[in-house]
Amino acid sequence: MSELGIIILIYVVGVVLLLAEIFIPSHGILCVTSMGFLVTAVAKTFSYGGRDAGVLAILALAVFLPVFGYVSIKYWHQTPIGRRISPPNPTLTSADVAVPVDELNALIGMQGKTVTALRPVGTGEFEGRRVTCVAEMGVIDEGEQVVATGIKNGNLAVTRHTA
């Protein structure tokens, strides 16, 4: 096999090992091995093709590796291993929250009082009922008057009441 054929083979092995890293959980061993092959291929490119070919190989890898990293991170979760390791996030319904959203909607616009400090999540009391509250901005201390402004992630969003 010619020197050029060997260099191309080393590049191919490096890229194949990178692709294998996506599908085989090797904890980075395949990636490190791939980088070794690619560095060797670039060194051989410098010795075989000269400075211009070596610089061109470095530039090609400088474009290929970030694009490959982006694509592999973007689509890794869709591979069989990725689906096992990182299953999709569940979709929460109104039945999954502690207080039905309809009951929280009735509290919007009402005035209440914080039972605990909201940093940004805590407990507030509205019409004698305790609910989980989220501060819209900053920390709201215990015992302060608040106004319900909306619902965020199944919790009542509140702001300080300004008199």
C-alpha atoms as a PDB file:
ATOM      1  CA  MET A   1       0.000   0.000   0.000  1.00  0.00           C
ATOM      2  CA  SER A   2       1.303   3.445  -0.854  1.00  0.00           C
ATOM      3  CA  GLU A   3       2.085   6.129   1.716  1.00  0.00           C
ATOM      4  CA  LEU A   4      -0.969   8.115   0.601  1.00  0.00           C
ATOM      5  CA  GLY A   5      -3.187   5.052   1.040  1.00  0.00           C
ATOM      6  CA  ILE A   6      -1.879   4.535   4.575  1.00  0.00           C
ATOM      7  CA  ILE A   7      -2.568   8.190   5.476  1.00  0.00           C
ATOM      8  CA  ILE A   8      -6.117   7.964   4.115  1.00  0.00           C
ATOM      9  CA  LEU A   9      -6.639   4.712   6.038  1.00  0.00           C
ATOM     10  CA  ILE A  10      -5.474   6.377   9.283  1.00  0.00           C
ATOM     11  CA  TYR A  11      -7.948   9.248   8.718  1.00  0.00           C
ATOM     12  CA  VAL A  12     -10.752   6.763   8.017  1.00  0.00           C
ATOM     13  CA  VAL A  13      -9.973   4.761  11.166  1.00  0.00           C
ATOM     14  CA  GLY A  14      -9.982   7.982  13.224  1.00  0.00           C
ATOM     15  CA  VAL A  15     -13.367   9.046  11.862  1.00  0.00           C
ATOM     16  CA  VAL A  16     -14.851   5.540  12.262  1.00  0.00           C
ATOM     17  CA  LEU A  17     -13.724   5.463  15.898  1.00  0.00           C
ATOM     18  CA  LEU A  18     -15.383   8.851  16.449  1.00  0.00           C
ATOM     19  CA  LEU A  19     -18.609   7.508  14.964  1.00  0.00           C
ATOM     20  CA  ALA A  20     -18.350   4.385  17.117  1.00  0.00           C
ATOM     21  CA  GLU A  21     -18.081   6.592  20.221  1.00  0.00           C
ATOM     22  CA  ILE A  22     -21.647   7.749  19.593  1.00  0.00           C
ATOM     23  CA  PHE A  23     -23.077   4.226  19.605  1.00  0.00           C
ATOM     24  CA  ILE A  24     -20.751   2.341  21.971  1.00  0.00           C
ATOM     25  CA  PRO A  25     -20.506   3.642  25.546  1.00  0.00           C
ATOM     26  CA  SER A  26     -16.721   3.577  26.021  1.00  0.00           C
ATOM     27  CA  HIS A  27     -16.465   6.525  28.448  1.00  0.00           C
ATOM     28  CA  GLY A  28     -14.303   8.448  25.984  1.00  0.00           C
ATOM     29  CA  ILE A  29     -11.741   5.733  25.243  1.00  0.00           C
ATOM     30  CA  LEU A  30     -12.768   5.528  21.583  1.00  0.00           C
ATOM     31  CA  CYS A  31     -12.697   9.323  21.312  1.00  0.00           C
ATOM     32  CA  VAL A  32      -9.168   9.555  22.732  1.00  0.00           C
ATOM     33  CA  THR A  33      -8.017   6.724  20.449  1.00  0.00           C
ATOM     34  CA  SER A  34      -9.630   8.486  17.506  1.00  0.00           C
ATOM     35  CA  MET A  35      -7.825  11.721  18.343  1.00  0.00           C
ATOM     36  CA  GLY A  36      -4.561   9.757  18.417  1.00  0.00           C
ATOM     37  CA  PHE A  37      -5.231   8.396  14.942  1.00  0.00           C
ATOM     38  CA  LEU A  38      -6.185  11.836  13.613  1.00  0.00           C
ATOM     39  CA  VAL A  39      -3.079  13.485  15.091  1.00  0.00           C
ATOM     40  CA  THR A  40      -0.929  10.724  13.600  1.00  0.00           C
ATOM     41  CA  ALA A  41      -2.638  11.214  10.235  1.00  0.00           C
ATOM     42  CA  VAL A  42      -1.957  14.969  10.340  1.00  0.00           C
ATOM     43  CA  ALA A  43       1.708  14.355  11.241  1.00  0.00           C
ATOM     44  CA  LYS A  44       2.041  11.888   8.362  1.00  0.00           C
ATOM     45  CA  THR A  45       0.308  14.405   6.064  1.00  0.00           C
ATOM     46  CA  PHE A  46       2.965  16.982   6.984  1.00  0.00           C
ATOM     47  CA  SER A  47       5.775  14.511   6.263  1.00  0.00           C
ATOM     48  CA  TYR A  48       4.257  13.163   3.020  1.00  0.00           C
ATOM     49  CA  GLY A  49       2.539  16.207   1.496  1.00  0.00           C
ATOM     50  CA  GLY A  50       4.544  19.042   2.965  1.00  0.00           C
ATOM     51  CA  ARG A  51       3.596  22.126   4.926  1.00  0.00           C
ATOM     52  CA  ASP A  52       0.641  23.202   2.753  1.00  0.00           C
ATOM     53  CA  ALA A  53      -1.036  19.786   2.874  1.00  0.00           C
ATOM     54  CA  GLY A  54      -0.489  19.573   6.652  1.00  0.00           C
ATOM     55  CA  VAL A  55      -1.990  22.996   7.269  1.00  0.00           C
ATOM     56  CA  LEU A  56      -4.928  22.084   5.040  1.00  0.00           C
ATOM     57  CA  ALA A  57      -5.439  18.883   7.066  1.00  0.00           C
ATOM     58  CA  ILE A  58      -5.394  20.849  10.332  1.00  0.00           C
ATOM     59  CA  LEU A  59      -7.929  23.340   8.954  1.00  0.00           C
ATOM     60  CA  ALA A  60     -10.173  20.506   7.740  1.00  0.00           C
ATOM     61  CA  LEU A  61     -10.090  18.910  11.187  1.00  0.00           C
ATOM     62  CA  ALA A  62     -10.671  22.309  12.822  1.00  0.00           C
ATOM     63  CA  VAL A  63     -13.943  22.477  10.890  1.00  0.00           C
ATOM     64  CA  PHE A  64     -14.876  18.774  11.025  1.00  0.00           C
ATOM     65  CA  LEU A  65     -14.405  18.137  14.757  1.00  0.00           C
ATOM     66  CA  PRO A  66     -16.649  20.963  16.086  1.00  0.00           C
ATOM     67  CA  VAL A  67     -19.335  20.155  13.502  1.00  0.00           C
ATOM     68  CA  PHE A  68     -19.119  16.471  14.435  1.00  0.00           C
ATOM     69  CA  GLY A  69     -19.308  17.354  18.138  1.00  0.00           C
ATOM     70  CA  TYR A  70     -22.362  19.534  17.614  1.00  0.00           C
ATOM     71  CA  VAL A  71     -24.171  16.945  15.502  1.00  0.00           C
ATOM     72  CA  SER A  72     -23.344  14.088  17.856  1.00  0.00           C
ATOM     73  CA  ILE A  73     -24.558  16.013  20.913  1.00  0.00           C
ATOM     74  CA  LYS A  74     -27.688  17.148  19.083  1.00  0.00           C
ATOM     75  CA  TYR A  75     -28.653  13.643  17.907  1.00  0.00           C
ATOM     76  CA  TRP A  76     -27.024  11.342  20.478  1.00  0.00           C
ATOM     77  CA  HIS A  77     -30.202  11.087  22.544  1.00  0.00           C
ATOM     78  CA  GLN A  78     -31.956   9.546  19.531  1.00  0.00           C
ATOM     79  CA  THR A  79     -29.571   6.570  19.367  1.00  0.00           C
ATOM     80  CA  PRO A  80     -30.501   3.316  21.176  1.00  0.00           C
ATOM     81  CA  ILE A  81     -27.891   3.900  23.889  1.00  0.00           C
ATOM     82  CA  GLY A  82     -28.887   7.560  24.222  1.00  0.00           C
ATOM     83  CA  ARG A  83     -32.548   6.631  24.657  1.00  0.00           C
ATOM     84  CA  ARG A  84     -31.627   4.238  27.470  1.00  0.00           C
ATOM     85  CA  ILE A  85     -29.340   6.647  29.273  1.00  0.00           C
ATOM     86  CA  SER A  86     -31.357   9.831  28.818  1.00  0.00           C
ATOM     87  CA  PRO A  87     -35.046   9.103  28.329  1.00  0.00           C
ATOM     88  CA  PRO A  88     -37.251  12.016  27.260  1.00  0.00           C
ATOM     89  CA  ASN A  89     -38.574  14.369  29.894  1.00  0.00           C
ATOM     90  CA  PRO A  90     -42.102  13.594  31.000  1.00  0.00           C
ATOM     91  CA  THR A  91     -44.891  15.955  30.028  1.00  0.00           C
ATOM     92  CA  LEU A  92     -46.621  17.219  33.148  1.00  0.00           C
ATOM     93  CA  THR A  93     -50.375  17.520  33.147  1.00  0.00           C
ATOM     94  CA  SER A  94     -52.638  19.334  35.561  1.00  0.00           C
ATOM     95  CA  ALA A  95     -53.096  16.018  37.422  1.00  0.00           C
ATOM     96  CA  ASP A  96     -49.348  15.953  38.177  1.00  0.00           C
ATOM     97  CA  VAL A  97     -49.248  19.173  40.167  1.00  0.00           C
ATOM     98  CA  ALA A  98     -50.132  19.270  43.852  1.00  0.00           C
ATOM     99  CA  VAL A  99     -52.839  21.907  43.490  1.00  0.00           C
ATOM    100  CA  PRO A 100     -55.173  21.787  40.478  1.00  0.00           C
ATOM    101  CA  VAL A 101     -54.425  24.610  38.058  1.00  0.00           C
ATOM    102  CA  ASP A 102     -58.084  25.656  38.090  1.00  0.00           C
ATOM    103  CA  GLU A 103     -57.852  26.377  41.803  1.00  0.00           C
ATOM    104  CA  LEU A 104     -54.648  28.369  41.297  1.00  0.00           C
ATOM    105  CA  ASN A 105     -56.275  30.409  38.513  1.00  0.00           C
ATOM    106  CA  ALA A 106     -58.898  31.533  41.026  1.00  0.00           C
ATOM    107  CA  LEU A 107     -56.118  33.014  43.204  1.00  0.00           C
ATOM    108  CA  ILE A 108     -54.585  35.194  40.478  1.00  0.00           C
ATOM    109  CA  GLY A 109     -54.915  38.862  41.381  1.00  0.00           C
ATOM    110  CA  MET A 110     -55.542  38.130  45.065  1.00  0.00           C
ATOM    111  CA  GLN A 111     -53.435  39.344  47.924  1.00  0.00           C
ATOM    112  CA  GLY A 112     -51.734  36.945  50.304  1.00  0.00           C
ATOM    113  CA  LYS A 113     -48.870  36.585  52.740  1.00  0.00           C
ATOM    114  CA  THR A 114     -45.659  34.564  52.593  1.00  0.00           C
ATOM    115  CA  VAL A 115     -45.392  31.814  55.202  1.00  0.00           C
ATOM    116  CA  THR A 116     -41.764  31.058  54.318  1.00  0.00           C
ATOM    117  CA  ALA A 117     -39.179  33.099  52.456  1.00  0.00           C
ATOM    118  CA  LEU A 118     -39.478  32.791  48.692  1.00  0.00           C
ATOM    119  CA  ARG A 119     -35.953  32.139  47.326  1.00  0.00           C
ATOM    120  CA  PRO A 120     -37.533  32.014  44.740  1.00  0.00           C
ATOM    121  CA  VAL A 121     -39.807  29.113  45.796  1.00  0.00           C
ATOM    122  CA  GLY A 122     -41.581  28.901  49.121  1.00  0.00           C
ATOM    123  CA  THR A 123     -45.011  28.793  50.699  1.00  0.00           C
ATOM    124  CA  GLY A 124     -47.652  31.478  50.684  1.00  0.00           C
ATOM    125  CA  GLU A 125     -51.087  31.752  52.229  1.00  0.00           C
ATOM    126  CA  PHE A 126     -54.108  32.971  50.262  1.00  0.00           C
ATOM    127  CA  GLU A 127     -57.565  33.057  51.867  1.00  0.00           C
ATOM    128  CA  GLY A 128     -56.400  30.700  54.619  1.00  0.00           C
ATOM    129  CA  ARG A 129     -54.967  28.169  52.178  1.00  0.00           C
ATOM    130  CA  ARG A 130     -51.262  27.395  51.832  1.00  0.00           C
ATOM    131  CA  VAL A 131     -49.866  26.993  48.324  1.00  0.00           C
ATOM    132  CA  THR A 132     -46.411  26.723  46.799  1.00  0.00           C
ATOM    133  CA  CYS A 133     -45.382  30.106  45.430  1.00  0.00           C
ATOM    134  CA  VAL A 134     -42.623  31.330  43.126  1.00  0.00           C
ATOM    135  CA  ALA A 135     -41.247  34.856  43.436  1.00  0.00           C
ATOM    136  CA  GLU A 136     -41.324  36.698  40.107  1.00  0.00           C
ATOM    137  CA  MET A 137     -38.156  38.605  41.003  1.00  0.00           C
ATOM    138  CA  GLY A 138     -35.658  38.403  43.827  1.00  0.00           C
ATOM    139  CA  VAL A 139     -36.178  37.041  47.320  1.00  0.00           C
ATOM    140  CA  ILE A 140     -39.347  37.788  49.257  1.00  0.00           C
ATOM    141  CA  ASP A 141     -38.985  37.448  53.021  1.00  0.00           C
ATOM    142  CA  GLU A 142     -41.299  35.578  55.348  1.00  0.00           C
ATOM    143  CA  GLY A 143     -44.415  37.475  56.418  1.00  0.00           C
ATOM    144  CA  GLU A 144     -44.514  39.930  53.489  1.00  0.00           C
ATOM    145  CA  GLN A 145     -47.677  40.796  51.602  1.00  0.00           C
ATOM    146  CA  VAL A 146     -47.722  39.441  48.031  1.00  0.00           C
ATOM    147  CA  VAL A 147     -50.020  39.487  45.000  1.00  0.00           C
ATOM    148  CA  ALA A 148     -50.581  36.439  42.796  1.00  0.00           C
ATOM    149  CA  THR A 149     -49.689  37.290  39.191  1.00  0.00           C
ATOM    150  CA  GLY A 150     -49.861  33.984  37.337  1.00  0.00           C
ATOM    151  CA  ILE A 151     -48.867  30.328  37.246  1.00  0.00           C
ATOM    152  CA  LYS A 152     -45.336  29.068  36.535  1.00  0.00           C
ATOM    153  CA  ASN A 153     -44.658  25.332  36.283  1.00  0.00           C
ATOM    154  CA  GLY A 154     -47.696  24.486  38.382  1.00  0.00           C
ATOM    155  CA  ASN A 155     -46.837  26.988  41.131  1.00  0.00           C
ATOM    156  CA  LEU A 156     -48.429  30.331  41.906  1.00  0.00           C
ATOM    157  CA  ALA A 157     -46.221  33.216  40.726  1.00  0.00           C
ATOM    158  CA  VAL A 158     -46.232  36.197  43.099  1.00  0.00           C
ATOM    159  CA  THR A 159     -44.746  39.678  43.477  1.00  0.00           C
ATOM    160  CA  ARG A 160     -44.386  41.960  46.483  1.00  0.00           C
ATOM    161  CA  HIS A 161     -47.510  43.973  47.220  1.00  0.00           C
ATOM    162  CA  THR A 162     -46.784  47.667  46.977  1.00  0.00           C
ATOM    163  CA  ALA A 163     -49.127  49.793  49.051  1.00  0.00           C
END
